Amino acid sequence: MSGLVKAAAARVAPAMRTGIITQRASLYTRPAKEKLGTAETAIGLGMFSLAILGPSGWILAHLEEYKKKE
């Protein structure tokens, strides 16, 4: 068992000695080419709400059916 621990420590030790690894994302953002309108914003928020709340609403609406053991 100690041989396995020594082998694992020998592989991990160099990585631990190098210090903190920094990661940089190459992400560039700009303002949108066209502004979103009120209707587009409302449709987008409505779809997100439906996607998140729809399944839980379905389950709660059919809870009595799920309770029945047939």
Protein backbone atom coordinates (compact mmCIF):
# COMPACT_ATOMS: atom_id res chain seq x y z
CA MET A 1 0.00 0.00 0.00
CA SER A 2 2.79 2.43 0.81
CA GLY A 3 4.37 1.80 -2.60
CA LEU A 4 1.13 2.88 -4.25
CA VAL A 5 1.01 6.04 -2.15
CA LYS A 6 4.64 6.86 -2.98
CA ALA A 7 4.00 6.36 -6.71
CA ALA A 8 0.94 8.60 -6.60
CA ALA A 9 2.81 11.26 -4.60
CA ALA A 10 5.69 11.22 -7.10
CA ARG A 11 3.26 11.97 -9.94
CA VAL A 12 1.28 14.62 -8.08
CA ALA A 13 4.15 16.44 -6.37
CA PRO A 14 5.52 18.28 -9.47
CA ALA A 15 2.07 19.63 -10.26
CA MET A 16 1.65 20.87 -6.71
CA ARG A 17 5.04 22.65 -6.74
CA THR A 18 4.34 24.75 -9.86
CA GLY A 19 2.00 27.10 -8.01
CA ILE A 20 -1.33 28.44 -9.02
CA ILE A 21 -2.31 27.92 -12.63
CA THR A 22 -3.98 30.95 -14.15
CA GLN A 23 -6.54 30.55 -16.89
CA ARG A 24 -7.49 33.27 -19.29
CA ALA A 25 -10.57 33.19 -21.43
CA SER A 26 -10.39 34.82 -24.82
CA LEU A 27 -13.85 36.33 -24.71
CA TYR A 28 -14.59 39.64 -26.33
CA THR A 29 -17.92 41.38 -25.94
CA ARG A 30 -19.46 44.31 -27.75
CA PRO A 31 -22.79 46.07 -27.65
CA ALA A 32 -25.56 44.46 -29.65
CA LYS A 33 -25.89 45.49 -33.30
CA GLU A 34 -29.61 46.06 -32.85
CA LYS A 35 -31.47 46.81 -29.63
CA LEU A 36 -34.10 44.34 -28.49
CA GLY A 37 -37.66 45.59 -28.47
CA THR A 38 -40.21 45.28 -25.73
CA ALA A 39 -42.06 42.45 -27.48
CA GLU A 40 -38.87 40.41 -27.98
CA THR A 41 -37.92 40.88 -24.34
CA ALA A 42 -41.39 39.83 -23.15
CA ILE A 43 -41.37 36.74 -25.39
CA GLY A 44 -37.91 35.76 -24.17
CA LEU A 45 -38.81 36.14 -20.50
CA GLY A 46 -42.07 34.26 -21.07
CA MET A 47 -40.28 31.33 -22.72
CA PHE A 48 -37.71 31.11 -19.93
CA SER A 49 -40.48 31.20 -17.31
CA LEU A 50 -42.39 28.49 -19.14
CA ALA A 51 -39.29 26.33 -19.45
CA ILE A 52 -38.52 26.62 -15.74
CA LEU A 53 -41.98 26.68 -14.18
CA GLY A 54 -43.87 24.55 -16.73
CA PRO A 55 -42.72 21.09 -15.61
CA SER A 56 -43.24 21.79 -11.92
CA GLY A 57 -46.69 23.23 -12.65
CA TRP A 58 -47.59 20.11 -14.62
CA ILE A 59 -46.57 17.86 -11.74
CA LEU A 60 -48.51 19.93 -9.20
CA ALA A 61 -51.60 19.97 -11.42
CA HIS A 62 -51.55 16.16 -11.73
CA LEU A 63 -50.47 15.39 -8.18
CA GLU A 64 -53.63 13.46 -7.33
CA GLU A 65 -53.09 11.16 -10.31
CA TYR A 66 -49.54 10.45 -9.17
CA LYS A 67 -50.72 9.59 -5.66
CA LYS A 68 -52.97 6.78 -6.92
CA LYS A 69 -51.40 3.36 -6.75
CA GLU A 70 -52.82 1.14 -9.41
